[in-house]
Amino acid sequence: MMDLSQYNQETIITFLQSYEGLTQDVVWLSDEWATMTATERHLQQAALMPCWEKRTMLGQLYQAKRLSPAQIEQLQNLDQQLLEHAIAVELVCQLPLAELVRYLLKIGTPLTQQPAPVRIETTMTALAELVNQPQWVAVGA
């Protein structure tokens, strides 16, 4: 694991702001997606990559217990917002629901520690893909 001591509170706040921007931008971009050219779409996806990198780093900082309680709450809320807009995330970021959930679980999310329900906006197609994952097929067989 990398040395996380280089990330101070100011940097963590910047990462959280970047992640908040991502959660807002995917919704806006999904509304505009049909009117964009392929080049515009690609440029928008490339512009979001640093936000995803910061979210990955936030997960590592969360797992290393480097976030304050307020930052953990903010991260939890932003993760919830991202899941609530899973359809937009799939359209804009090419990240299907199963991969989005797997990503959040792998990098670390405070949602795993909360007893409250998680709200996810998705399609039946995405749910069918999720259920047809090999680990689910074995359970349901």
N, C-alpha and C. Protein backbone atom coordinates (compact mmCIF):
# COMPACT_ATOMS: atom_id res chain seq x y z
N MET A 1 0.85 -1.19 0.00
CA MET A 1 0.00 0.00 0.00
C MET A 1 0.88 1.24 0.00
N MET A 2 0.42 2.27 -0.64
CA MET A 2 1.22 3.49 -0.74
C MET A 2 1.18 4.30 0.55
N ASP A 3 2.13 5.20 0.67
CA ASP A 3 2.21 6.06 1.84
C ASP A 3 1.13 7.14 1.74
N LEU A 4 0.16 7.08 2.63
CA LEU A 4 -0.95 8.03 2.60
C LEU A 4 -0.71 9.26 3.45
N SER A 5 0.44 9.32 4.13
CA SER A 5 0.72 10.46 5.00
C SER A 5 0.91 11.75 4.22
N GLN A 6 1.15 11.65 2.93
CA GLN A 6 1.34 12.84 2.10
C GLN A 6 0.03 13.60 1.85
N TYR A 7 -1.09 12.96 2.16
CA TYR A 7 -2.39 13.59 1.91
C TYR A 7 -2.90 14.26 3.16
N ASN A 8 -2.83 15.60 3.17
CA ASN A 8 -3.29 16.36 4.34
C ASN A 8 -4.79 16.67 4.20
N GLN A 9 -5.33 17.33 5.20
CA GLN A 9 -6.77 17.62 5.22
C GLN A 9 -7.20 18.50 4.04
N GLU A 10 -6.36 19.43 3.65
CA GLU A 10 -6.69 20.28 2.51
C GLU A 10 -6.82 19.45 1.23
N THR A 11 -5.92 18.50 1.05
CA THR A 11 -5.97 17.62 -0.12
C THR A 11 -7.21 16.74 -0.08
N ILE A 12 -7.54 16.22 1.08
CA ILE A 12 -8.73 15.38 1.22
C ILE A 12 -9.99 16.17 0.89
N ILE A 13 -10.06 17.40 1.34
CA ILE A 13 -11.21 18.26 1.02
C ILE A 13 -11.30 18.46 -0.48
N THR A 14 -10.16 18.68 -1.14
CA THR A 14 -10.13 18.84 -2.59
C THR A 14 -10.62 17.58 -3.29
N PHE A 15 -10.20 16.42 -2.79
CA PHE A 15 -10.65 15.15 -3.36
C PHE A 15 -12.16 15.01 -3.22
N LEU A 16 -12.69 15.35 -2.05
CA LEU A 16 -14.14 15.26 -1.83
C LEU A 16 -14.90 16.22 -2.75
N GLN A 17 -14.36 17.41 -2.95
CA GLN A 17 -15.00 18.37 -3.85
C GLN A 17 -14.99 17.86 -5.29
N SER A 18 -13.89 17.23 -5.67
CA SER A 18 -13.79 16.65 -7.00
C SER A 18 -14.83 15.54 -7.18
N TYR A 19 -14.96 14.71 -6.16
CA TYR A 19 -15.93 13.60 -6.22
C TYR A 19 -17.36 14.16 -6.26
N GLU A 20 -17.62 15.20 -5.51
CA GLU A 20 -18.94 15.83 -5.56
C GLU A 20 -19.23 16.34 -6.97
N GLY A 21 -18.22 16.93 -7.59
CA GLY A 21 -18.37 17.38 -8.98
C GLY A 21 -18.69 16.23 -9.91
N LEU A 22 -18.04 15.09 -9.70
CA LEU A 22 -18.31 13.91 -10.52
C LEU A 22 -19.76 13.49 -10.40
N THR A 23 -20.27 13.42 -9.16
CA THR A 23 -21.64 12.97 -8.96
C THR A 23 -22.65 13.92 -9.63
N GLN A 24 -22.31 15.19 -9.69
CA GLN A 24 -23.19 16.17 -10.34
C GLN A 24 -23.03 16.14 -11.86
N ASP A 25 -21.77 16.03 -12.29
CA ASP A 25 -21.49 16.08 -13.73
C ASP A 25 -22.08 14.91 -14.50
N VAL A 26 -22.08 13.70 -13.91
CA VAL A 26 -22.62 12.56 -14.66
C VAL A 26 -24.11 12.75 -14.93
N VAL A 27 -24.82 13.38 -14.02
CA VAL A 27 -26.25 13.62 -14.23
C VAL A 27 -26.44 14.64 -15.36
N TRP A 28 -25.72 15.73 -15.29
CA TRP A 28 -25.81 16.76 -16.32
C TRP A 28 -25.40 16.20 -17.68
N LEU A 29 -24.28 15.47 -17.71
CA LEU A 29 -23.79 14.92 -18.97
C LEU A 29 -24.77 13.90 -19.56
N SER A 30 -25.40 13.11 -18.70
CA SER A 30 -26.34 12.11 -19.23
C SER A 30 -27.54 12.79 -19.90
N ASP A 31 -27.92 13.95 -19.37
CA ASP A 31 -29.02 14.70 -19.99
C ASP A 31 -28.62 15.24 -21.37
N GLU A 32 -27.34 15.54 -21.54
CA GLU A 32 -26.84 16.13 -22.79
C GLU A 32 -26.24 15.09 -23.74
N TRP A 33 -26.10 13.86 -23.27
CA TRP A 33 -25.35 12.83 -23.99
C TRP A 33 -25.82 12.64 -25.43
N ALA A 34 -27.12 12.60 -25.65
CA ALA A 34 -27.66 12.32 -26.99
C ALA A 34 -27.33 13.43 -27.99
N THR A 35 -27.06 14.62 -27.49
CA THR A 35 -26.77 15.73 -28.39
C THR A 35 -25.27 15.90 -28.66
N MET A 36 -24.44 15.13 -28.00
CA MET A 36 -22.99 15.26 -28.15
C MET A 36 -22.48 14.38 -29.28
N THR A 37 -21.40 14.86 -29.90
CA THR A 37 -20.71 14.04 -30.90
C THR A 37 -19.86 13.01 -30.16
N ALA A 38 -19.37 12.03 -30.89
CA ALA A 38 -18.51 11.01 -30.29
C ALA A 38 -17.25 11.65 -29.70
N THR A 39 -16.72 12.64 -30.37
CA THR A 39 -15.52 13.33 -29.87
C THR A 39 -15.83 14.07 -28.58
N GLU A 40 -16.96 14.76 -28.52
CA GLU A 40 -17.34 15.46 -27.30
C GLU A 40 -17.53 14.47 -26.14
N ARG A 41 -18.14 13.35 -26.43
CA ARG A 41 -18.34 12.34 -25.39
C ARG A 41 -16.99 11.83 -24.86
N HIS A 42 -16.10 11.53 -25.78
CA HIS A 42 -14.78 11.04 -25.38
C HIS A 42 -14.04 12.07 -24.53
N LEU A 43 -14.11 13.33 -24.93
CA LEU A 43 -13.45 14.40 -24.17
C LEU A 43 -14.05 14.53 -22.77
N GLN A 44 -15.36 14.39 -22.66
CA GLN A 44 -16.01 14.47 -21.35
C GLN A 44 -15.61 13.29 -20.46
N GLN A 45 -15.55 12.10 -21.06
CA GLN A 45 -15.12 10.92 -20.29
C GLN A 45 -13.68 11.09 -19.81
N ALA A 46 -12.82 11.61 -20.66
CA ALA A 46 -11.43 11.83 -20.28
C ALA A 46 -11.33 12.87 -19.17
N ALA A 47 -12.19 13.87 -19.21
CA ALA A 47 -12.17 14.92 -18.18
C ALA A 47 -12.59 14.37 -16.82
N LEU A 48 -13.39 13.30 -16.81
CA LEU A 48 -13.85 12.71 -15.55
C LEU A 48 -12.83 11.76 -14.93
N MET A 49 -11.87 11.30 -15.69
CA MET A 49 -10.90 10.32 -15.17
C MET A 49 -10.19 10.78 -13.90
N PRO A 50 -9.71 12.02 -13.82
CA PRO A 50 -9.06 12.45 -12.57
C PRO A 50 -10.00 12.40 -11.36
N CYS A 51 -11.29 12.61 -11.58
CA CYS A 51 -12.25 12.53 -10.48
C CYS A 51 -12.34 11.09 -9.96
N TRP A 52 -12.34 10.13 -10.88
CA TRP A 52 -12.38 8.71 -10.48
C TRP A 52 -11.10 8.35 -9.73
N GLU A 53 -9.96 8.90 -10.16
CA GLU A 53 -8.69 8.63 -9.46
C GLU A 53 -8.75 9.18 -8.03
N LYS A 54 -9.34 10.35 -7.88
CA LYS A 54 -9.47 10.94 -6.54
C LYS A 54 -10.43 10.10 -5.68
N ARG A 55 -11.49 9.56 -6.30
CA ARG A 55 -12.40 8.70 -5.54
C ARG A 55 -11.69 7.43 -5.08
N THR A 56 -10.85 6.89 -5.92
CA THR A 56 -10.06 5.72 -5.54
C THR A 56 -9.18 6.05 -4.36
N MET A 57 -8.54 7.21 -4.39
CA MET A 57 -7.68 7.62 -3.29
C MET A 57 -8.49 7.83 -2.01
N LEU A 58 -9.69 8.40 -2.14
CA LEU A 58 -10.56 8.56 -0.97
C LEU A 58 -10.89 7.21 -0.34
N GLY A 59 -11.09 6.20 -1.16
CA GLY A 59 -11.34 4.86 -0.63
C GLY A 59 -10.15 4.34 0.16
N GLN A 60 -8.96 4.57 -0.34
CA GLN A 60 -7.76 4.14 0.38
C GLN A 60 -7.60 4.92 1.69
N LEU A 61 -7.87 6.20 1.64
CA LEU A 61 -7.79 7.02 2.85
C LEU A 61 -8.85 6.60 3.86
N TYR A 62 -10.03 6.25 3.37
CA TYR A 62 -11.10 5.77 4.25
C TYR A 62 -10.67 4.47 4.93
N GLN A 63 -10.17 3.53 4.14
CA GLN A 63 -9.75 2.25 4.71
C GLN A 63 -8.60 2.41 5.70
N ALA A 64 -7.76 3.41 5.47
CA ALA A 64 -6.62 3.66 6.38
C ALA A 64 -7.03 4.51 7.58
N LYS A 65 -8.33 4.82 7.67
CA LYS A 65 -8.87 5.62 8.78
C LYS A 65 -8.23 7.01 8.86
N ARG A 66 -8.04 7.61 7.69
CA ARG A 66 -7.44 8.95 7.61
C ARG A 66 -8.49 10.04 7.41
N LEU A 67 -9.77 9.66 7.34
CA LEU A 67 -10.83 10.65 7.15
C LEU A 67 -11.50 10.97 8.48
N SER A 68 -11.88 12.22 8.64
CA SER A 68 -12.61 12.64 9.84
C SER A 68 -14.04 12.10 9.77
N PRO A 69 -14.74 12.08 10.89
CA PRO A 69 -16.16 11.65 10.85
C PRO A 69 -16.99 12.45 9.84
N ALA A 70 -16.77 13.74 9.76
CA ALA A 70 -17.52 14.56 8.80
C ALA A 70 -17.17 14.18 7.37
N GLN A 71 -15.90 13.88 7.11
CA GLN A 71 -15.49 13.47 5.77
C GLN A 71 -16.05 12.09 5.42
N ILE A 72 -16.12 11.21 6.40
CA ILE A 72 -16.71 9.89 6.17
C ILE A 72 -18.18 10.04 5.81
N GLU A 73 -18.88 10.91 6.53
CA GLU A 73 -20.29 11.14 6.23
C GLU A 73 -20.47 11.73 4.83
N GLN A 74 -19.59 12.66 4.47
CA GLN A 74 -19.67 13.25 3.13
C GLN A 74 -19.40 12.20 2.06
N LEU A 75 -18.40 11.36 2.28
CA LEU A 75 -18.08 10.29 1.33
C LEU A 75 -19.26 9.33 1.20
N GLN A 76 -19.86 8.98 2.31
CA GLN A 76 -21.03 8.09 2.30
C GLN A 76 -22.15 8.72 1.48
N ASN A 77 -22.43 9.99 1.71
CA ASN A 77 -23.50 10.67 0.98
C ASN A 77 -23.21 10.73 -0.52
N LEU A 78 -21.95 10.99 -0.87
CA LEU A 78 -21.58 11.06 -2.28
C LEU A 78 -21.66 9.68 -2.94
N ASP A 79 -21.26 8.64 -2.21
CA ASP A 79 -21.40 7.28 -2.75
C ASP A 79 -22.86 6.96 -2.98
N GLN A 80 -23.72 7.36 -2.05
CA GLN A 80 -25.16 7.14 -2.20
C GLN A 80 -25.67 7.89 -3.43
N GLN A 81 -25.24 9.13 -3.60
CA GLN A 81 -25.67 9.90 -4.76
C GLN A 81 -25.23 9.24 -6.06
N LEU A 82 -24.01 8.72 -6.07
CA LEU A 82 -23.51 8.06 -7.27
C LEU A 82 -24.37 6.84 -7.60
N LEU A 83 -24.72 6.05 -6.60
CA LEU A 83 -25.57 4.89 -6.83
C LEU A 83 -26.98 5.29 -7.27
N GLU A 84 -27.47 6.38 -6.71
CA GLU A 84 -28.79 6.86 -7.10
C GLU A 84 -28.84 7.25 -8.57
N HIS A 85 -27.69 7.55 -9.12
CA HIS A 85 -27.60 7.94 -10.53
C HIS A 85 -26.85 6.90 -11.35
N ALA A 86 -27.02 5.62 -10.99
CA ALA A 86 -26.30 4.53 -11.65
C ALA A 86 -26.57 4.49 -13.16
N ILE A 87 -27.77 4.85 -13.57
CA ILE A 87 -28.07 4.85 -15.00
C ILE A 87 -27.20 5.89 -15.71
N ALA A 88 -27.08 7.07 -15.13
CA ALA A 88 -26.24 8.10 -15.72
C ALA A 88 -24.77 7.70 -15.72
N VAL A 89 -24.33 7.05 -14.63
CA VAL A 89 -22.94 6.60 -14.54
C VAL A 89 -22.65 5.58 -15.64
N GLU A 90 -23.59 4.67 -15.87
CA GLU A 90 -23.39 3.67 -16.92
C GLU A 90 -23.32 4.32 -18.30
N LEU A 91 -24.21 5.26 -18.56
CA LEU A 91 -24.23 5.93 -19.86
C LEU A 91 -22.96 6.74 -20.10
N VAL A 92 -22.61 7.57 -19.15
CA VAL A 92 -21.51 8.51 -19.33
C VAL A 92 -20.14 7.86 -19.12
N CYS A 93 -20.03 7.01 -18.12
CA CYS A 93 -18.72 6.45 -17.75
C CYS A 93 -18.53 5.02 -18.23
N GLN A 94 -19.55 4.46 -18.88
CA GLN A 94 -19.47 3.09 -19.38
C GLN A 94 -19.18 2.11 -18.23
N LEU A 95 -19.79 2.37 -17.08
CA LEU A 95 -19.58 1.56 -15.89
C LEU A 95 -20.92 0.96 -15.46
N PRO A 96 -21.19 -0.29 -15.86
CA PRO A 96 -22.45 -0.93 -15.49
C PRO A 96 -22.59 -1.05 -13.97
N LEU A 97 -23.82 -1.22 -13.52
CA LEU A 97 -24.12 -1.28 -12.10
C LEU A 97 -23.24 -2.30 -11.36
N ALA A 98 -23.11 -3.51 -11.89
CA ALA A 98 -22.31 -4.54 -11.21
C ALA A 98 -20.87 -4.07 -11.02
N GLU A 99 -20.31 -3.44 -12.05
CA GLU A 99 -18.93 -2.95 -11.95
C GLU A 99 -18.83 -1.77 -11.00
N LEU A 100 -19.83 -0.90 -10.99
CA LEU A 100 -19.84 0.24 -10.08
C LEU A 100 -19.85 -0.23 -8.63
N VAL A 101 -20.72 -1.18 -8.33
CA VAL A 101 -20.81 -1.71 -6.96
C VAL A 101 -19.50 -2.41 -6.59
N ARG A 102 -18.98 -3.21 -7.51
CA ARG A 102 -17.72 -3.92 -7.26
C ARG A 102 -16.59 -2.92 -7.00
N TYR A 103 -16.55 -1.85 -7.78
CA TYR A 103 -15.54 -0.79 -7.62
C TYR A 103 -15.63 -0.18 -6.22
N LEU A 104 -16.84 0.23 -5.82
CA LEU A 104 -17.00 0.86 -4.51
C LEU A 104 -16.62 -0.08 -3.37
N LEU A 105 -17.00 -1.34 -3.49
CA LEU A 105 -16.67 -2.31 -2.44
C LEU A 105 -15.17 -2.56 -2.39
N LYS A 106 -14.54 -2.61 -3.53
CA LYS A 106 -13.10 -2.89 -3.57
C LYS A 106 -12.27 -1.74 -3.00
N ILE A 107 -12.60 -0.51 -3.37
CA ILE A 107 -11.78 0.61 -2.93
C ILE A 107 -12.15 1.10 -1.54
N GLY A 108 -13.34 0.77 -1.08
CA GLY A 108 -13.78 1.17 0.25
C GLY A 108 -14.85 2.23 0.21
N THR A 109 -15.95 1.93 0.87
CA THR A 109 -17.06 2.88 0.98
C THR A 109 -17.67 2.77 2.37
N PRO A 110 -18.00 3.90 2.97
CA PRO A 110 -18.66 3.86 4.27
C PRO A 110 -20.06 3.25 4.21
N LEU A 111 -20.62 3.10 3.03
CA LEU A 111 -21.95 2.51 2.91
C LEU A 111 -21.98 1.10 3.47
N THR A 112 -20.85 0.40 3.45
CA THR A 112 -20.83 -0.98 3.97
C THR A 112 -21.00 -1.02 5.48
N GLN A 113 -20.81 0.09 6.16
CA GLN A 113 -20.91 0.15 7.61
C GLN A 113 -22.24 0.71 8.10
N GLN A 114 -23.12 1.05 7.15
CA GLN A 114 -24.38 1.69 7.51
C GLN A 114 -25.54 0.71 7.38
N PRO A 115 -26.40 0.66 8.39
CA PRO A 115 -27.56 -0.24 8.32
C PRO A 115 -28.69 0.29 7.44
N ALA A 116 -28.62 1.55 7.05
CA ALA A 116 -29.70 2.16 6.26
C ALA A 116 -29.74 1.56 4.86
N PRO A 117 -30.91 1.53 4.25
CA PRO A 117 -31.03 1.02 2.87
C PRO A 117 -30.22 1.88 1.90
N VAL A 118 -29.76 1.25 0.85
CA VAL A 118 -29.05 1.94 -0.22
C VAL A 118 -30.02 2.07 -1.38
N ARG A 119 -30.14 3.27 -1.90
CA ARG A 119 -31.03 3.52 -3.03
C ARG A 119 -30.20 3.48 -4.31
N ILE A 120 -30.69 2.70 -5.29
CA ILE A 120 -29.98 2.57 -6.56
C ILE A 120 -30.98 2.77 -7.68
N GLU A 121 -30.66 3.69 -8.59
CA GLU A 121 -31.46 3.87 -9.78
C GLU A 121 -30.84 3.01 -10.87
N THR A 122 -31.63 2.11 -11.41
CA THR A 122 -31.09 1.22 -12.44
C THR A 122 -32.21 0.75 -13.35
N THR A 123 -31.85 -0.03 -14.31
CA THR A 123 -32.81 -0.60 -15.25
C THR A 123 -32.94 -2.09 -14.98
N MET A 124 -33.98 -2.70 -15.50
CA MET A 124 -34.14 -4.15 -15.36
C MET A 124 -33.02 -4.87 -16.10
N THR A 125 -32.56 -4.29 -17.21
CA THR A 125 -31.45 -4.89 -17.94
C THR A 125 -30.22 -4.98 -17.06
N ALA A 126 -29.92 -3.90 -16.34
CA ALA A 126 -28.76 -3.90 -15.45
C ALA A 126 -28.94 -4.89 -14.30
N LEU A 127 -30.16 -4.98 -13.77
CA LEU A 127 -30.42 -5.96 -12.71
C LEU A 127 -30.26 -7.39 -13.22
N ALA A 128 -30.73 -7.63 -14.44
CA ALA A 128 -30.59 -8.96 -15.02
C ALA A 128 -29.12 -9.31 -15.20
N GLU A 129 -28.33 -8.35 -15.65
CA GLU A 129 -26.89 -8.59 -15.79
C GLU A 129 -26.25 -8.87 -14.43
N LEU A 130 -26.69 -8.14 -13.42
CA LEU A 130 -26.16 -8.34 -12.08
C LEU A 130 -26.49 -9.73 -11.57
N VAL A 131 -27.72 -10.17 -11.77
CA VAL A 131 -28.15 -11.49 -11.31
C VAL A 131 -27.46 -12.59 -12.10
N ASN A 132 -27.12 -12.34 -13.34
CA ASN A 132 -26.48 -13.35 -14.18
C ASN A 132 -24.97 -13.42 -14.00
N GLN A 133 -24.43 -12.69 -13.04
CA GLN A 133 -23.00 -12.80 -12.72
C GLN A 133 -22.73 -14.21 -12.23
N PRO A 134 -21.57 -14.80 -12.54
CA PRO A 134 -21.29 -16.19 -12.15
C PRO A 134 -21.52 -16.50 -10.68
N GLN A 135 -21.16 -15.59 -9.78
CA GLN A 135 -21.36 -15.86 -8.36
C GLN A 135 -22.85 -15.92 -8.00
N TRP A 136 -23.71 -15.22 -8.72
CA TRP A 136 -25.14 -15.26 -8.46
C TRP A 136 -25.78 -16.50 -9.05
N VAL A 137 -25.31 -16.90 -10.23
CA VAL A 137 -25.88 -18.06 -10.90
C VAL A 137 -25.69 -19.30 -10.03
N ALA A 138 -24.52 -19.43 -9.43
CA ALA A 138 -24.24 -20.59 -8.58
C ALA A 138 -25.17 -20.61 -7.36
N VAL A 139 -25.46 -19.42 -6.81
CA VAL A 139 -26.33 -19.34 -5.64
C VAL A 139 -27.76 -19.68 -6.02
N GLY A 140 -28.20 -19.21 -7.17
CA GLY A 140 -29.58 -19.38 -7.57
C GLY A 140 -29.87 -20.72 -8.23
N ALA A 141 -28.83 -21.47 -8.56
CA ALA A 141 -29.02 -22.74 -9.28
C ALA A 141 -29.61 -23.82 -8.40
